[in-house]
C-alpha atoms as a PDB file:
ATOM      1  CA  UNK A   1    -311.045  21.543  32.124  1.00  0.00           C
ATOM      2  CA  UNK A   2    -312.487  23.600  35.004  1.00  0.00           C
ATOM      3  CA  UNK A   3    -314.314  25.843  35.379  1.00  0.00           C
ATOM      4  CA  UNK A   4    -317.508  24.318  33.982  1.00  0.00           C
ATOM      5  CA  UNK A   5    -318.284  26.614  31.034  1.00  0.00           C
ATOM      6  CA  UNK A   6    -321.819  27.456  29.917  1.00  0.00           C
ATOM      7  CA  UNK A   7    -322.354  29.496  26.746  1.00  0.00           C
ATOM      8  CA  UNK A   8    -325.741  31.190  26.251  1.00  0.00           C
ATOM      9  CA  UNK A   9    -326.744  32.170  22.722  1.00  0.00           C
ATOM     10  CA  UNK A  10    -329.511  34.414  21.391  1.00  0.00           C
ATOM     11  CA  UNK A  11    -329.814  36.739  18.402  1.00  0.00           C
ATOM     12  CA  UNK A  12    -328.298  40.094  19.359  1.00  0.00           C
ATOM     13  CA  UNK A  13    -326.770  39.271  22.775  1.00  0.00           C
ATOM     14  CA  UNK A  14    -328.431  42.167  24.590  1.00  0.00           C
ATOM     15  CA  UNK A  15    -331.612  40.584  26.030  1.00  0.00           C
ATOM     16  CA  UNK A  16    -332.156  36.832  26.457  1.00  0.00           C
ATOM     17  CA  UNK A  17    -328.631  35.411  26.527  1.00  0.00           C
ATOM     18  CA  UNK A  18    -327.228  38.108  28.868  1.00  0.00           C
ATOM     19  CA  UNK A  19    -330.107  37.508  31.285  1.00  0.00           C
ATOM     20  CA  UNK A  20    -329.411  33.760  31.160  1.00  0.00           C
ATOM     21  CA  UNK A  21    -325.665  34.346  31.607  1.00  0.00           C
ATOM     22  CA  UNK A  22    -326.081  36.455  34.723  1.00  0.00           C
ATOM     23  CA  UNK A  23    -329.059  34.588  36.230  1.00  0.00           C
ATOM     24  CA  UNK A  24    -327.163  31.278  36.067  1.00  0.00           C
ATOM     25  CA  UNK A  25    -324.163  32.867  37.801  1.00  0.00           C
ATOM     26  CA  UNK A  26    -326.550  34.262  40.425  1.00  0.00           C
ATOM     27  CA  UNK A  27    -328.169  30.856  40.960  1.00  0.00           C
ATOM     28  CA  UNK A  28    -324.775  29.195  41.496  1.00  0.00           C
ATOM     29  CA  UNK A  29    -323.732  31.981  43.859  1.00  0.00           C
ATOM     30  CA  UNK A  30    -326.921  31.449  45.877  1.00  0.00           C
ATOM     31  CA  UNK A  31    -326.160  27.704  46.096  1.00  0.00           C
ATOM     32  CA  UNK A  32    -322.705  28.504  47.492  1.00  0.00           C
ATOM     33  CA  UNK A  33    -324.226  30.765  50.137  1.00  0.00           C
ATOM     34  CA  UNK A  34    -326.621  27.978  51.154  1.00  0.00           C
ATOM     35  CA  UNK A  35    -323.657  25.631  51.508  1.00  0.00           C
ATOM     36  CA  UNK A  36    -321.785  28.153  53.660  1.00  0.00           C
ATOM     37  CA  UNK A  37    -319.114  28.669  51.007  1.00  0.00           C
ATOM     38  CA  UNK A  38    -317.707  32.087  50.094  1.00  0.00           C
ATOM     39  CA  UNK A  39    -319.636  33.124  46.957  1.00  0.00           C
ATOM     40  CA  UNK A  40    -316.661  35.170  45.768  1.00  0.00           C
ATOM     41  CA  UNK A  41    -315.285  31.909  44.384  1.00  0.00           C
ATOM     42  CA  UNK A  42    -318.143  31.388  41.918  1.00  0.00           C
ATOM     43  CA  UNK A  43    -315.926  32.240  38.905  1.00  0.00           C
ATOM     44  CA  UNK A  44    -313.596  29.365  39.786  1.00  0.00           C
ATOM     45  CA  UNK A  45    -316.521  26.912  39.613  1.00  0.00           C
ATOM     46  CA  UNK A  46    -318.552  28.271  36.700  1.00  0.00           C
ATOM     47  CA  UNK A  47    -317.865  30.378  33.620  1.00  0.00           C
ATOM     48  CA  UNK A  48    -321.259  31.615  32.390  1.00  0.00           C
ATOM     49  CA  UNK A  49    -320.982  33.816  29.292  1.00  0.00           C
ATOM     50  CA  UNK A  50    -322.954  34.631  26.164  1.00  0.00           C
ATOM     51  CA  UNK A  51    -322.900  35.695  22.512  1.00  0.00           C
ATOM     52  CA  UNK A  52    -325.307  36.494  19.685  1.00  0.00           C
ATOM     53  CA  UNK A  53    -325.740  34.996  16.228  1.00  0.00           C
ATOM     54  CA  UNK A  54    -325.599  38.567  14.890  1.00  0.00           C
ATOM     55  CA  UNK A  55    -323.058  41.247  15.642  1.00  0.00           C
ATOM     56  CA  UNK A  56    -325.280  44.338  15.320  1.00  0.00           C
ATOM     57  CA  UNK A  57    -324.975  45.213  19.024  1.00  0.00           C
ATOM     58  CA  UNK A  58    -321.319  44.257  19.561  1.00  0.00           C
ATOM     59  CA  UNK A  59    -319.820  46.237  22.419  1.00  0.00           C
ATOM     60  CA  UNK A  60    -323.181  47.444  23.755  1.00  0.00           C
ATOM     61  CA  UNK A  61    -324.425  47.071  27.307  1.00  0.00           C
ATOM     62  CA  UNK A  62    -327.346  44.831  28.200  1.00  0.00           C
ATOM     63  CA  UNK A  63    -330.732  46.148  27.030  1.00  0.00           C
ATOM     64  CA  UNK A  64    -332.066  48.243  29.956  1.00  0.00           C
ATOM     65  CA  UNK A  65    -335.201  46.157  30.684  1.00  0.00           C
ATOM     66  CA  UNK A  66    -333.043  42.993  30.636  1.00  0.00           C
ATOM     67  CA  UNK A  67    -330.573  44.609  33.031  1.00  0.00           C
ATOM     68  CA  UNK A  68    -333.443  45.594  35.335  1.00  0.00           C
ATOM     69  CA  UNK A  69    -334.585  41.975  35.537  1.00  0.00           C
ATOM     70  CA  UNK A  70    -331.094  40.781  36.479  1.00  0.00           C
ATOM     71  CA  UNK A  71    -330.562  43.499  39.092  1.00  0.00           C
ATOM     72  CA  UNK A  72    -334.000  43.197  40.725  1.00  0.00           C
ATOM     73  CA  UNK A  73    -333.414  39.452  41.115  1.00  0.00           C
ATOM     74  CA  UNK A  74    -330.098  40.060  42.884  1.00  0.00           C
ATOM     75  CA  UNK A  75    -327.708  39.672  39.964  1.00  0.00           C
ATOM     76  CA  UNK A  76    -324.920  41.824  38.565  1.00  0.00           C
ATOM     77  CA  UNK A  77    -324.748  43.485  35.130  1.00  0.00           C
ATOM     78  CA  UNK A  78    -321.321  45.095  35.498  1.00  0.00           C
ATOM     79  CA  UNK A  79    -318.774  44.499  32.770  1.00  0.00           C
ATOM     80  CA  UNK A  80    -321.196  43.103  30.212  1.00  0.00           C
ATOM     81  CA  UNK A  81    -320.566  43.847  26.528  1.00  0.00           C
ATOM     82  CA  UNK A  82    -322.447  42.190  23.654  1.00  0.00           C
ATOM     83  CA  UNK A  83    -320.456  40.172  21.121  1.00  0.00           C
ATOM     84  CA  UNK A  84    -320.973  37.993  18.070  1.00  0.00           C
ATOM     85  CA  UNK A  85    -320.720  34.228  18.428  1.00  0.00           C
ATOM     86  CA  UNK A  86    -317.498  32.669  17.175  1.00  0.00           C
ATOM     87  CA  UNK A  87    -316.526  29.060  16.653  1.00  0.00           C
ATOM     88  CA  UNK A  88    -313.939  29.203  19.432  1.00  0.00           C
ATOM     89  CA  UNK A  89    -316.671  30.169  21.929  1.00  0.00           C
ATOM     90  CA  UNK A  90    -318.466  26.946  21.010  1.00  0.00           C
ATOM     91  CA  UNK A  91    -315.301  24.858  21.145  1.00  0.00           C
ATOM     92  CA  UNK A  92    -314.530  26.031  24.699  1.00  0.00           C
ATOM     93  CA  UNK A  93    -318.043  25.452  26.086  1.00  0.00           C
ATOM     94  CA  UNK A  94    -319.099  22.403  28.083  1.00  0.00           C
ATOM     95  CA  UNK A  95    -322.782  23.310  27.678  1.00  0.00           C
ATOM     96  CA  UNK A  96    -324.407  25.569  25.071  1.00  0.00           C
ATOM     97  CA  UNK A  97    -327.927  26.863  25.739  1.00  0.00           C
ATOM     98  CA  UNK A  98    -329.711  28.687  22.918  1.00  0.00           C
ATOM     99  CA  UNK A  99    -332.816  30.843  23.230  1.00  0.00           C
ATOM    100  CA  UNK A 100    -334.512  29.194  20.235  1.00  0.00           C
ATOM    101  CA  UNK A 101    -334.296  26.217  17.889  1.00  0.00           C
ATOM    102  CA  UNK A 102    -333.113  28.533  15.088  1.00  0.00           C
ATOM    103  CA  UNK A 103    -330.083  29.518  17.141  1.00  0.00           C
ATOM    104  CA  UNK A 104    -329.503  25.840  17.988  1.00  0.00           C
ATOM    105  CA  UNK A 105    -329.259  25.175  14.252  1.00  0.00           C
ATOM    106  CA  UNK A 106    -326.912  28.148  13.826  1.00  0.00           C
ATOM    107  CA  UNK A 107    -324.535  26.758  16.467  1.00  0.00           C
ATOM    108  CA  UNK A 108    -324.500  23.320  14.859  1.00  0.00           C
ATOM    109  CA  UNK A 109    -323.929  24.814  11.410  1.00  0.00           C
ATOM    110  CA  UNK A 110    -320.741  26.358  12.807  1.00  0.00           C
ATOM    111  CA  UNK A 111    -319.743  23.311  14.834  1.00  0.00           C
ATOM    112  CA  UNK A 112    -321.605  20.066  14.038  1.00  0.00           C
ATOM    113  CA  UNK A 113    -319.483  18.244  16.641  1.00  0.00           C
ATOM    114  CA  UNK A 114    -321.136  20.328  19.389  1.00  0.00           C
ATOM    115  CA  UNK A 115    -324.503  18.561  18.966  1.00  0.00           C
ATOM    116  CA  UNK A 116    -324.128  16.528  22.165  1.00  0.00           C
ATOM    117  CA  UNK A 117    -323.698  19.616  24.335  1.00  0.00           C
ATOM    118  CA  UNK A 118    -326.040  22.079  22.603  1.00  0.00           C
ATOM    119  CA  UNK A 119    -329.651  22.469  23.724  1.00  0.00           C
ATOM    120  CA  UNK A 120    -332.488  24.946  23.469  1.00  0.00           C
ATOM    121  CA  UNK A 121    -332.757  26.395  26.979  1.00  0.00           C
ATOM    122  CA  UNK A 122    -336.280  25.132  27.649  1.00  0.00           C
ATOM    123  CA  UNK A 123    -335.384  21.719  26.235  1.00  0.00           C
ATOM    124  CA  UNK A 124    -332.491  21.399  28.669  1.00  0.00           C
ATOM    125  CA  UNK A 125    -334.793  22.407  31.508  1.00  0.00           C
ATOM    126  CA  UNK A 126    -337.191  19.587  30.589  1.00  0.00           C
ATOM    127  CA  UNK A 127    -334.380  17.054  30.272  1.00  0.00           C
ATOM    128  CA  UNK A 128    -332.933  17.955  33.681  1.00  0.00           C
ATOM    129  CA  UNK A 129    -335.968  16.306  35.234  1.00  0.00           C
ATOM    130  CA  UNK A 130    -335.151  13.003  33.523  1.00  0.00           C
ATOM    131  CA  UNK A 131    -331.567  12.746  34.807  1.00  0.00           C
ATOM    132  CA  UNK A 132    -330.876  10.548  37.836  1.00  0.00           C
ATOM    133  CA  UNK A 133    -328.635  12.810  39.909  1.00  0.00           C
ATOM    134  CA  UNK A 134    -327.561   9.825  42.001  1.00  0.00           C
ATOM    135  CA  UNK A 135    -325.639   8.576  38.974  1.00  0.00           C
ATOM    136  CA  UNK A 136    -323.562  11.760  38.681  1.00  0.00           C
ATOM    137  CA  UNK A 137    -320.107  12.298  40.217  1.00  0.00           C
ATOM    138  CA  UNK A 138    -320.092  13.471  43.863  1.00  0.00           C
ATOM    139  CA  UNK A 139    -321.193  17.046  44.513  1.00  0.00           C
ATOM    140  CA  UNK A 140    -318.577  19.276  46.135  1.00  0.00           C
ATOM    141  CA  UNK A 141    -317.932  23.004  45.921  1.00  0.00           C
ATOM    142  CA  UNK A 142    -314.590  22.589  44.145  1.00  0.00           C
ATOM    143  CA  UNK A 143    -313.772  23.437  40.514  1.00  0.00           C
ATOM    144  CA  UNK A 144    -312.885  19.827  39.693  1.00  0.00           C
ATOM    145  CA  UNK A 145    -316.054  18.386  41.246  1.00  0.00           C
ATOM    146  CA  UNK A 146    -318.420  20.922  39.642  1.00  0.00           C
ATOM    147  CA  UNK A 147    -316.743  20.385  36.272  1.00  0.00           C
ATOM    148  CA  UNK A 148    -316.975  16.586  36.472  1.00  0.00           C
ATOM    149  CA  UNK A 149    -320.599  16.730  37.627  1.00  0.00           C
ATOM    150  CA  UNK A 150    -321.521  19.278  34.948  1.00  0.00           C
ATOM    151  CA  UNK A 151    -319.950  17.340  32.084  1.00  0.00           C
ATOM    152  CA  UNK A 152    -321.652  14.129  33.255  1.00  0.00           C
ATOM    153  CA  UNK A 153    -324.979  15.980  33.546  1.00  0.00           C
ATOM    154  CA  UNK A 154    -324.732  17.264  29.974  1.00  0.00           C
ATOM    155  CA  UNK A 155    -323.958  13.775  28.690  1.00  0.00           C
ATOM    156  CA  UNK A 156    -326.905  12.332  30.631  1.00  0.00           C
ATOM    157  CA  UNK A 157    -329.273  15.011  29.329  1.00  0.00           C
ATOM    158  CA  UNK A 158    -328.117  14.357  25.762  1.00  0.00           C
ATOM    159  CA  UNK A 159    -328.728  10.643  26.298  1.00  0.00           C
ATOM    160  CA  UNK A 160    -332.243  11.406  27.511  1.00  0.00           C
ATOM    161  CA  UNK A 161    -333.045  13.091  24.196  1.00  0.00           C
ATOM    162  CA  UNK A 162    -332.910   9.756  22.404  1.00  0.00           C
ATOM    163  CA  UNK A 163    -332.705  11.616  19.120  1.00  0.00           C
ATOM    164  CA  UNK A 164    -335.778  13.756  19.790  1.00  0.00           C
ATOM    165  CA  UNK A 165    -335.590  17.444  18.998  1.00  0.00           C
ATOM    166  CA  UNK A 166    -336.708  20.450  20.975  1.00  0.00           C
ATOM    167  CA  UNK A 167    -340.375  21.409  21.187  1.00  0.00           C
ATOM    168  CA  UNK A 168    -341.723  24.725  19.918  1.00  0.00           C
ATOM    169  CA  UNK A 169    -342.630  25.552  23.522  1.00  0.00           C
ATOM    170  CA  UNK A 170    -338.931  25.295  24.490  1.00  0.00           C
ATOM    171  CA  UNK A 171    -338.146  28.565  22.675  1.00  0.00           C
ATOM    172  CA  UNK A 172    -337.823  31.824  24.591  1.00  0.00           C
ATOM    173  CA  UNK A 173    -339.818  34.707  23.138  1.00  0.00           C
ATOM    174  CA  UNK A 174    -337.743  37.659  21.998  1.00  0.00           C
ATOM    175  CA  UNK A 175    -338.682  40.431  24.453  1.00  0.00           C
ATOM    176  CA  UNK A 176    -336.793  43.196  22.634  1.00  0.00           C
ATOM    177  CA  UNK A 177    -338.935  46.339  22.481  1.00  0.00           C
ATOM    178  CA  UNK A 178    -341.842  44.717  24.313  1.00  0.00           C
ATOM    179  CA  UNK A 179    -341.681  46.238  27.796  1.00  0.00           C
ATOM    180  CA  UNK A 180    -340.936  45.122  31.318  1.00  0.00           C
ATOM    181  CA  UNK A 181    -343.820  42.654  31.652  1.00  0.00           C
ATOM    182  CA  UNK A 182    -342.547  40.573  28.736  1.00  0.00           C
ATOM    183  CA  UNK A 183    -338.965  40.763  30.009  1.00  0.00           C
ATOM    184  CA  UNK A 184    -340.146  39.590  33.439  1.00  0.00           C
ATOM    185  CA  UNK A 185    -341.924  36.575  31.928  1.00  0.00           C
ATOM    186  CA  UNK A 186    -338.855  35.624  29.868  1.00  0.00           C
ATOM    187  CA  UNK A 187    -336.594  35.994  32.910  1.00  0.00           C
ATOM    188  CA  UNK A 188    -338.950  33.725  34.860  1.00  0.00           C
ATOM    189  CA  UNK A 189    -338.676  31.118  32.092  1.00  0.00           C
ATOM    190  CA  UNK A 190    -334.876  31.388  32.136  1.00  0.00           C
ATOM    191  CA  UNK A 191    -334.864  30.811  35.903  1.00  0.00           C
ATOM    192  CA  UNK A 192    -337.003  27.704  35.420  1.00  0.00           C
ATOM    193  CA  UNK A 193    -333.933  26.128  33.790  1.00  0.00           C
ATOM    194  CA  UNK A 194    -330.898  27.816  35.348  1.00  0.00           C
ATOM    195  CA  UNK A 195    -331.995  27.432  38.964  1.00  0.00           C
ATOM    196  CA  UNK A 196    -332.521  23.630  38.668  1.00  0.00           C
ATOM    197  CA  UNK A 197    -329.210  23.438  36.795  1.00  0.00           C
ATOM    198  CA  UNK A 198    -327.440  25.185  39.667  1.00  0.00           C
ATOM    199  CA  UNK A 199    -329.214  22.900  42.136  1.00  0.00           C
ATOM    200  CA  UNK A 200    -327.922  19.785  40.362  1.00  0.00           C
ATOM    201  CA  UNK A 201    -324.388  21.159  40.138  1.00  0.00           C
ATOM    202  CA  UNK A 202    -324.396  22.123  43.851  1.00  0.00           C
ATOM    203  CA  UNK A 203    -327.198  20.270  45.664  1.00  0.00           C
END
């Protein structure tokens, strides 16, 4: 049921998955602005959240270089707190995007029935280009329409896999401890998926 819920997963939930969480929300907000819709309603259309496969950083804020990437791109880091992935997070998600193939396997070990809606982030970005958007439900800036379009998009992307797995190049590098230049590159790679995703949800 609405809102369309996207769960981002990385290892410690302080770098890659928080950036993806907030950059997707930013991309959807920007689509609303382009459509002349009040962006304050973004939370009613999309629930973008994240968790880590490990709980070492539970309760911590976003890693500072990750937060800088979100803020400099126009996003918001307020209220973020790292947490460990739980099965109920997976159960409630309409789309699960992992930073790497290892984390993809971790998700499916917890919930094998989530295979059809779990993707490595870069893999999902590649598959988006194979989906015929004309075959999706109508695009409107309402919770019900975004949810229906999102769920249909995930199903179409899963169908496009045809049993093929992710590529090694679909993984996001772990930028932890590697400086702003690496964080900037990883954030760019995240945007290469989340911005097209937002554009399909709200063309």
